[in-house]
Amino acid sequence: MSALTSPRTYAVLAAMQAADAVACVKPIAPIKKAFDDVGLAEELRPLIPVVKAASAVGLLGVFRWPALARLTTFMLTVYFVLAAGSHVRARDWSPGLVASSSLLALFGAMTVKGPAVRTR
């Protein structure tokens, strides 16, 4: 089992997504600035914490429903394609582009590998 397929990795990433969801409810200053920099419409901003919370739940599904966890990593790959694309479109060469690109690569690799499934 590699780090990309370990259920522990999924759990850590779920915790990160949950914390990020909380930080996006009433965006803290750096998140608000990132939303402003990429031109995220005000009406879409309330959806971000919902998407992040749902992704945390989906990643935790690795323990019971590995297929759900794999679907979640795929959907997070799509999300981060859009996030990185938004930074590039806005010519925002900030650390946000590096973060979204890194998470894009991570979730893409996790989607390809899939979670380790324990057989009983």
N, C-alpha and C. Protein backbone atom coordinates (compact mmCIF):
# COMPACT_ATOMS: atom_id res chain seq x y z
N MET A 1 0.85 -1.17 0.00
CA MET A 1 0.00 0.00 0.00
C MET A 1 0.90 1.24 0.00
N SER A 2 0.63 2.15 -0.93
CA SER A 2 1.42 3.38 -1.00
C SER A 2 0.68 4.51 -0.30
N ALA A 3 1.36 5.63 -0.16
CA ALA A 3 0.74 6.80 0.48
C ALA A 3 -0.48 7.27 -0.31
N LEU A 4 -0.44 7.11 -1.63
CA LEU A 4 -1.58 7.55 -2.45
C LEU A 4 -2.81 6.69 -2.27
N THR A 5 -2.63 5.46 -1.85
CA THR A 5 -3.77 4.55 -1.73
C THR A 5 -4.19 4.30 -0.28
N SER A 6 -3.42 4.81 0.65
CA SER A 6 -3.68 4.55 2.07
C SER A 6 -4.95 5.25 2.57
N PRO A 7 -5.79 4.53 3.29
CA PRO A 7 -6.96 5.17 3.89
C PRO A 7 -6.59 6.32 4.82
N ARG A 8 -5.43 6.24 5.45
CA ARG A 8 -4.97 7.34 6.32
C ARG A 8 -4.79 8.62 5.51
N THR A 9 -4.27 8.52 4.30
CA THR A 9 -4.11 9.69 3.44
C THR A 9 -5.48 10.31 3.13
N TYR A 10 -6.44 9.46 2.83
CA TYR A 10 -7.80 9.94 2.56
C TYR A 10 -8.36 10.66 3.78
N ALA A 11 -8.12 10.12 4.97
CA ALA A 11 -8.63 10.72 6.20
C ALA A 11 -7.97 12.08 6.47
N VAL A 12 -6.66 12.17 6.24
CA VAL A 12 -5.96 13.45 6.44
C VAL A 12 -6.48 14.50 5.45
N LEU A 13 -6.64 14.10 4.21
CA LEU A 13 -7.16 15.03 3.20
C LEU A 13 -8.61 15.42 3.50
N ALA A 14 -9.39 14.51 4.06
CA ALA A 14 -10.76 14.83 4.46
C ALA A 14 -10.74 15.89 5.56
N ALA A 15 -9.84 15.75 6.51
CA ALA A 15 -9.72 16.74 7.59
C ALA A 15 -9.32 18.10 7.02
N MET A 16 -8.42 18.10 6.05
CA MET A 16 -8.02 19.36 5.42
C MET A 16 -9.20 20.01 4.68
N GLN A 17 -9.97 19.21 3.96
CA GLN A 17 -11.13 19.73 3.24
C GLN A 17 -12.17 20.27 4.22
N ALA A 18 -12.38 19.57 5.33
CA ALA A 18 -13.35 20.02 6.34
C ALA A 18 -12.89 21.35 6.95
N ALA A 19 -11.62 21.47 7.28
CA ALA A 19 -11.10 22.72 7.85
C ALA A 19 -11.22 23.85 6.83
N ASP A 20 -10.94 23.56 5.58
CA ASP A 20 -11.07 24.56 4.53
C ASP A 20 -12.52 24.98 4.35
N ALA A 21 -13.44 24.03 4.48
CA ALA A 21 -14.87 24.34 4.37
C ALA A 21 -15.27 25.33 5.46
N VAL A 22 -14.80 25.09 6.68
CA VAL A 22 -15.11 25.98 7.80
C VAL A 22 -14.53 27.37 7.53
N ALA A 23 -13.30 27.41 7.01
CA ALA A 23 -12.66 28.70 6.73
C ALA A 23 -13.36 29.46 5.61
N CYS A 24 -14.10 28.76 4.77
CA CYS A 24 -14.79 29.40 3.64
C CYS A 24 -16.22 29.83 3.96
N VAL A 25 -16.75 29.42 5.11
CA VAL A 25 -18.14 29.77 5.44
C VAL A 25 -18.29 31.29 5.47
N LYS A 26 -17.51 31.94 6.28
CA LYS A 26 -17.38 33.40 6.24
C LYS A 26 -15.89 33.57 5.96
N PRO A 27 -15.55 33.70 4.69
CA PRO A 27 -14.14 33.57 4.30
C PRO A 27 -13.19 34.44 5.12
N ILE A 28 -12.12 33.77 5.59
CA ILE A 28 -11.06 34.52 6.24
C ILE A 28 -10.37 35.36 5.17
N ALA A 29 -9.64 36.38 5.60
CA ALA A 29 -9.08 37.37 4.67
C ALA A 29 -8.32 36.76 3.48
N PRO A 30 -7.40 35.82 3.69
CA PRO A 30 -6.67 35.29 2.52
C PRO A 30 -7.58 34.57 1.52
N ILE A 31 -8.61 33.89 2.03
CA ILE A 31 -9.52 33.19 1.12
C ILE A 31 -10.38 34.19 0.37
N LYS A 32 -10.86 35.21 1.06
CA LYS A 32 -11.66 36.25 0.39
C LYS A 32 -10.82 36.91 -0.69
N LYS A 33 -9.54 37.21 -0.38
CA LYS A 33 -8.66 37.82 -1.38
C LYS A 33 -8.47 36.90 -2.58
N ALA A 34 -8.30 35.60 -2.33
CA ALA A 34 -8.13 34.65 -3.43
C ALA A 34 -9.38 34.61 -4.30
N PHE A 35 -10.57 34.60 -3.68
CA PHE A 35 -11.82 34.63 -4.43
C PHE A 35 -11.91 35.90 -5.27
N ASP A 36 -11.54 37.03 -4.67
CA ASP A 36 -11.57 38.31 -5.39
C ASP A 36 -10.57 38.31 -6.55
N ASP A 37 -9.36 37.79 -6.29
CA ASP A 37 -8.31 37.80 -7.31
C ASP A 37 -8.67 37.00 -8.55
N VAL A 38 -9.39 35.90 -8.36
CA VAL A 38 -9.76 35.09 -9.52
C VAL A 38 -11.13 35.47 -10.08
N GLY A 39 -11.79 36.41 -9.43
CA GLY A 39 -13.07 36.90 -9.92
C GLY A 39 -14.23 35.93 -9.69
N LEU A 40 -14.19 35.18 -8.59
CA LEU A 40 -15.29 34.27 -8.28
C LEU A 40 -16.53 35.09 -7.95
N ALA A 41 -17.60 34.82 -8.65
CA ALA A 41 -18.85 35.57 -8.47
C ALA A 41 -19.37 35.41 -7.04
N GLU A 42 -19.91 36.49 -6.51
CA GLU A 42 -20.44 36.49 -5.14
C GLU A 42 -21.49 35.41 -4.94
N GLU A 43 -22.33 35.18 -5.96
CA GLU A 43 -23.40 34.19 -5.79
C GLU A 43 -22.89 32.75 -5.76
N LEU A 44 -21.66 32.52 -6.22
CA LEU A 44 -21.09 31.17 -6.17
C LEU A 44 -20.34 30.90 -4.87
N ARG A 45 -19.95 31.92 -4.17
CA ARG A 45 -19.13 31.75 -2.96
C ARG A 45 -19.78 30.90 -1.88
N PRO A 46 -21.10 31.00 -1.65
CA PRO A 46 -21.71 30.14 -0.63
C PRO A 46 -21.66 28.65 -0.97
N LEU A 47 -21.46 28.32 -2.23
CA LEU A 47 -21.39 26.91 -2.63
C LEU A 47 -20.05 26.26 -2.26
N ILE A 48 -19.02 27.05 -2.15
CA ILE A 48 -17.68 26.51 -1.91
C ILE A 48 -17.61 25.70 -0.62
N PRO A 49 -18.10 26.22 0.53
CA PRO A 49 -18.02 25.39 1.74
C PRO A 49 -18.85 24.10 1.64
N VAL A 50 -19.95 24.15 0.91
CA VAL A 50 -20.78 22.96 0.73
C VAL A 50 -20.01 21.91 -0.07
N VAL A 51 -19.37 22.34 -1.14
CA VAL A 51 -18.58 21.42 -1.97
C VAL A 51 -17.43 20.83 -1.17
N LYS A 52 -16.76 21.66 -0.40
CA LYS A 52 -15.62 21.16 0.39
C LYS A 52 -16.07 20.21 1.49
N ALA A 53 -17.19 20.52 2.14
CA ALA A 53 -17.70 19.62 3.18
C ALA A 53 -18.14 18.28 2.57
N ALA A 54 -18.79 18.34 1.43
CA ALA A 54 -19.20 17.11 0.75
C ALA A 54 -17.99 16.28 0.35
N SER A 55 -16.93 16.95 -0.08
CA SER A 55 -15.73 16.21 -0.47
C SER A 55 -15.08 15.55 0.75
N ALA A 56 -15.15 16.20 1.90
CA ALA A 56 -14.61 15.60 3.12
C ALA A 56 -15.37 14.32 3.45
N VAL A 57 -16.68 14.37 3.36
CA VAL A 57 -17.50 13.18 3.61
C VAL A 57 -17.18 12.08 2.60
N GLY A 58 -17.07 12.46 1.33
CA GLY A 58 -16.75 11.48 0.29
C GLY A 58 -15.39 10.83 0.50
N LEU A 59 -14.40 11.61 0.90
CA LEU A 59 -13.07 11.04 1.16
C LEU A 59 -13.11 10.08 2.34
N LEU A 60 -13.90 10.40 3.35
CA LEU A 60 -14.02 9.49 4.50
C LEU A 60 -14.74 8.20 4.13
N GLY A 61 -15.44 8.22 3.02
CA GLY A 61 -16.09 7.01 2.53
C GLY A 61 -15.11 5.89 2.23
N VAL A 62 -13.84 6.20 2.18
CA VAL A 62 -12.81 5.19 1.87
C VAL A 62 -12.90 4.00 2.82
N PHE A 63 -13.36 4.23 4.03
CA PHE A 63 -13.40 3.15 5.02
C PHE A 63 -14.54 2.17 4.79
N ARG A 64 -15.59 2.64 4.13
CA ARG A 64 -16.75 1.76 3.93
C ARG A 64 -17.09 1.57 2.45
N TRP A 65 -16.94 2.64 1.68
CA TRP A 65 -17.30 2.63 0.26
C TRP A 65 -16.13 3.17 -0.57
N PRO A 66 -15.15 2.35 -0.86
CA PRO A 66 -13.98 2.81 -1.62
C PRO A 66 -14.34 3.44 -2.96
N ALA A 67 -15.40 2.96 -3.60
CA ALA A 67 -15.80 3.54 -4.89
C ALA A 67 -16.24 4.99 -4.73
N LEU A 68 -16.89 5.31 -3.61
CA LEU A 68 -17.28 6.70 -3.34
C LEU A 68 -16.04 7.57 -3.16
N ALA A 69 -15.06 7.05 -2.45
CA ALA A 69 -13.82 7.80 -2.25
C ALA A 69 -13.12 8.06 -3.59
N ARG A 70 -13.13 7.08 -4.46
CA ARG A 70 -12.49 7.25 -5.77
C ARG A 70 -13.27 8.26 -6.62
N LEU A 71 -14.59 8.20 -6.59
CA LEU A 71 -15.40 9.20 -7.28
C LEU A 71 -15.11 10.59 -6.73
N THR A 72 -14.95 10.68 -5.42
CA THR A 72 -14.67 11.98 -4.79
C THR A 72 -13.32 12.52 -5.25
N THR A 73 -12.30 11.67 -5.34
CA THR A 73 -11.00 12.17 -5.82
C THR A 73 -11.11 12.62 -7.27
N PHE A 74 -11.93 11.93 -8.06
CA PHE A 74 -12.14 12.37 -9.45
C PHE A 74 -12.80 13.75 -9.48
N MET A 75 -13.85 13.92 -8.68
CA MET A 75 -14.55 15.20 -8.66
C MET A 75 -13.65 16.32 -8.12
N LEU A 76 -12.79 15.99 -7.16
CA LEU A 76 -11.83 16.99 -6.67
C LEU A 76 -10.81 17.33 -7.75
N THR A 77 -10.46 16.37 -8.58
CA THR A 77 -9.57 16.65 -9.71
C THR A 77 -10.23 17.68 -10.63
N VAL A 78 -11.50 17.47 -10.94
CA VAL A 78 -12.24 18.42 -11.77
C VAL A 78 -12.29 19.79 -11.10
N TYR A 79 -12.59 19.80 -9.79
CA TYR A 79 -12.66 21.06 -9.03
C TYR A 79 -11.33 21.82 -9.14
N PHE A 80 -10.21 21.11 -8.97
CA PHE A 80 -8.92 21.79 -9.00
C PHE A 80 -8.46 22.14 -10.41
N VAL A 81 -8.97 21.46 -11.43
CA VAL A 81 -8.75 21.91 -12.81
C VAL A 81 -9.40 23.29 -12.97
N LEU A 82 -10.62 23.42 -12.47
CA LEU A 82 -11.33 24.70 -12.55
C LEU A 82 -10.64 25.77 -11.71
N ALA A 83 -10.17 25.40 -10.53
CA ALA A 83 -9.49 26.36 -9.65
C ALA A 83 -8.19 26.85 -10.29
N ALA A 84 -7.37 25.92 -10.76
CA ALA A 84 -6.10 26.31 -11.39
C ALA A 84 -6.37 27.12 -12.65
N GLY A 85 -7.37 26.69 -13.41
CA GLY A 85 -7.74 27.43 -14.62
C GLY A 85 -8.19 28.84 -14.31
N SER A 86 -8.90 29.03 -13.20
CA SER A 86 -9.34 30.36 -12.79
C SER A 86 -8.15 31.26 -12.47
N HIS A 87 -7.15 30.69 -11.80
CA HIS A 87 -5.95 31.47 -11.49
C HIS A 87 -5.23 31.88 -12.78
N VAL A 88 -5.10 30.95 -13.71
CA VAL A 88 -4.41 31.24 -14.97
C VAL A 88 -5.20 32.27 -15.78
N ARG A 89 -6.53 32.07 -15.88
CA ARG A 89 -7.38 33.01 -16.63
C ARG A 89 -7.26 34.43 -16.08
N ALA A 90 -7.17 34.53 -14.73
CA ALA A 90 -7.07 35.84 -14.08
C ALA A 90 -5.63 36.36 -14.03
N ARG A 91 -4.71 35.58 -14.59
CA ARG A 91 -3.28 35.91 -14.54
C ARG A 91 -2.83 36.15 -13.09
N ASP A 92 -3.33 35.29 -12.23
CA ASP A 92 -3.00 35.34 -10.80
C ASP A 92 -1.93 34.30 -10.54
N TRP A 93 -0.69 34.73 -10.54
CA TRP A 93 0.44 33.81 -10.38
C TRP A 93 0.82 33.69 -8.91
N SER A 94 -0.15 33.66 -8.04
CA SER A 94 0.05 33.62 -6.60
C SER A 94 0.29 32.20 -6.11
N PRO A 95 0.59 32.06 -4.81
CA PRO A 95 0.70 30.72 -4.23
C PRO A 95 -0.59 29.90 -4.39
N GLY A 96 -1.71 30.55 -4.59
CA GLY A 96 -2.97 29.84 -4.82
C GLY A 96 -2.91 28.98 -6.08
N LEU A 97 -2.20 29.45 -7.10
CA LEU A 97 -2.04 28.67 -8.33
C LEU A 97 -1.18 27.44 -8.04
N VAL A 98 -0.13 27.63 -7.26
CA VAL A 98 0.74 26.50 -6.91
C VAL A 98 -0.04 25.48 -6.09
N ALA A 99 -0.82 25.95 -5.13
CA ALA A 99 -1.61 25.04 -4.29
C ALA A 99 -2.65 24.29 -5.11
N SER A 100 -3.39 25.02 -5.94
CA SER A 100 -4.43 24.33 -6.73
C SER A 100 -3.83 23.36 -7.73
N SER A 101 -2.70 23.71 -8.31
CA SER A 101 -2.03 22.81 -9.25
C SER A 101 -1.49 21.57 -8.54
N SER A 102 -0.96 21.76 -7.35
CA SER A 102 -0.44 20.62 -6.58
C SER A 102 -1.56 19.68 -6.17
N LEU A 103 -2.67 20.25 -5.71
CA LEU A 103 -3.81 19.43 -5.32
C LEU A 103 -4.44 18.75 -6.54
N LEU A 104 -4.41 19.42 -7.67
CA LEU A 104 -4.88 18.81 -8.91
C LEU A 104 -4.06 17.55 -9.21
N ALA A 105 -2.74 17.67 -9.13
CA ALA A 105 -1.86 16.53 -9.40
C ALA A 105 -2.08 15.41 -8.37
N LEU A 106 -2.22 15.78 -7.10
CA LEU A 106 -2.41 14.79 -6.04
C LEU A 106 -3.72 14.02 -6.24
N PHE A 107 -4.83 14.75 -6.39
CA PHE A 107 -6.12 14.07 -6.53
C PHE A 107 -6.21 13.31 -7.85
N GLY A 108 -5.56 13.82 -8.89
CA GLY A 108 -5.53 13.09 -10.15
C GLY A 108 -4.81 11.76 -10.00
N ALA A 109 -3.67 11.78 -9.32
CA ALA A 109 -2.91 10.54 -9.09
C ALA A 109 -3.70 9.58 -8.21
N MET A 110 -4.39 10.12 -7.20
CA MET A 110 -5.19 9.27 -6.32
C MET A 110 -6.35 8.64 -7.09
N THR A 111 -6.91 9.37 -8.03
CA THR A 111 -8.00 8.83 -8.84
C THR A 111 -7.50 7.66 -9.70
N VAL A 112 -6.34 7.84 -10.29
CA VAL A 112 -5.78 6.78 -11.13
C VAL A 112 -5.48 5.53 -10.31
N LYS A 113 -4.86 5.72 -9.14
CA LYS A 113 -4.48 4.58 -8.29
C LYS A 113 -5.67 3.96 -7.59
N GLY A 114 -6.58 4.78 -7.10
CA GLY A 114 -7.71 4.28 -6.31
C GLY A 114 -7.26 3.92 -4.92
N PRO A 115 -8.20 3.83 -3.99
CA PRO A 115 -7.84 3.49 -2.62
C PRO A 115 -7.50 2.01 -2.47
N ALA A 116 -6.65 1.74 -1.49
CA ALA A 116 -6.34 0.34 -1.17
C ALA A 116 -7.59 -0.28 -0.57
N VAL A 117 -7.96 -1.43 -1.08
CA VAL A 117 -9.13 -2.13 -0.58
C VAL A 117 -8.66 -3.36 0.18
N ARG A 118 -9.05 -3.40 1.43
CA ARG A 118 -8.67 -4.56 2.27
C ARG A 118 -9.68 -5.66 2.05
N THR A 119 -9.17 -6.84 1.83
CA THR A 119 -10.06 -8.00 1.71
C THR A 119 -10.04 -8.75 3.03
N ARG A 120 -11.17 -9.31 3.35
CA ARG A 120 -11.26 -10.01 4.65
C ARG A 120 -11.07 -11.47 4.48
